[in-house]
């Protein structure tokens, strides 16, 4: 949770988890491996300093953003780090773009990699580190005359990029009127960028949640599903033929209610806010694979965080089945892949950019396919379970 790009936002202006940190072994090898289910405890030099974003580049290579140390780390499907010195991707970014500090990554084709850099600049690169395209979003003007000035979330949907950002009048930032909103940028013609739906106030309820770095926006082909906030959490979608948000439904009962949380005005508020999230039952992200839409959510349990994944109908948003994930992590980054889903298990937030990334669990994608249509809660990789007990379902 929390993007490091929040520092600039805070100075100018990721579902529930409470409990103890998981106990991990000190071995650098896989702690447990049962069939295809596995967990890798990360050593100090294998851990990202701060991560909220990752993507599978191929069936067997996981890329995680280390925003604190300005690098993209790569791992095999068993959690072993892939070390390449010098890093061709970092070298290319420093030479061609002038910076190598990434915030987020996405690989819709699981080959090329979209990377968000500082100042709202995106680049598309090959897995070997060759520059394919640039997409500068900073100061990009939308069809309503507003310009983008601070992107909080984005995803590639077909041949467009869809996101949520700060918007303002062109010209001097100090005298500008600021709003927020969703936007769409055609990758081939960025100058044809458009506002999606209505401008929202600044601050807006959506901005509060999208600033946290949770994946509230995910795409299936050229349709993007987003979590919106209107007194409760709702599921909406952005379709390619329309420049508006279409309401699908409320999120399932039990995870649609808004929690009461501390203020989030500066980076000093992050610890209190993280603890508030850890005591709440809330959505933690939308994820897609193939034609399926999944809601990640979290709730406090007797022995720590309970994490669940619910398959949602893309037609009416109704739950199609729920699985309990084998983790008790304080916070989680989930990365869907063709063969494996990676659970990046993180400890409590101790301060700005201070959070220990404990381990990565790898769950076979075929296990996720068993969620849909399941009447009872499906236990994914229970052999990796760290003391999970009980279970609950959204209605």
Foldseek 3Di string as FASTA:
>chain_A
DFFLLVQVVLVPPAAAKDADAFDDDPDQAWPDDDPLWTWGWHDPVLWQLDWREWEQLAQFKIWTANQVVLAIWIAGLRGHTDDDPPQLQQVLCCVPVVGRRFGYWYDPPSFWIWTQDPFRKIWIAGPNRHTDDIDRQHQQAAPVQWGFGAWLDWDDAAQKIKGKGKIWHPDDPVPIAIWIFIKIAGNVHRNHIHTAADTHHVVDPVCVVSSRSHAQWEYAHRKIWGWDDDQWTFIWIDHPVHRYIHGQGQAFPPATHDDDADDDNHQQCVQRRLNSRNAGWYWRHWDDDHRWIKIWHWHYDPRIIWIKIFIADPRRRDTQFMATEQDRASDWHWYDDPFWIKTFGWHGDPGSSHITRTMIIIFGVVQVVVGGNDPDHHYTPCVSHRPDDDDDDGD
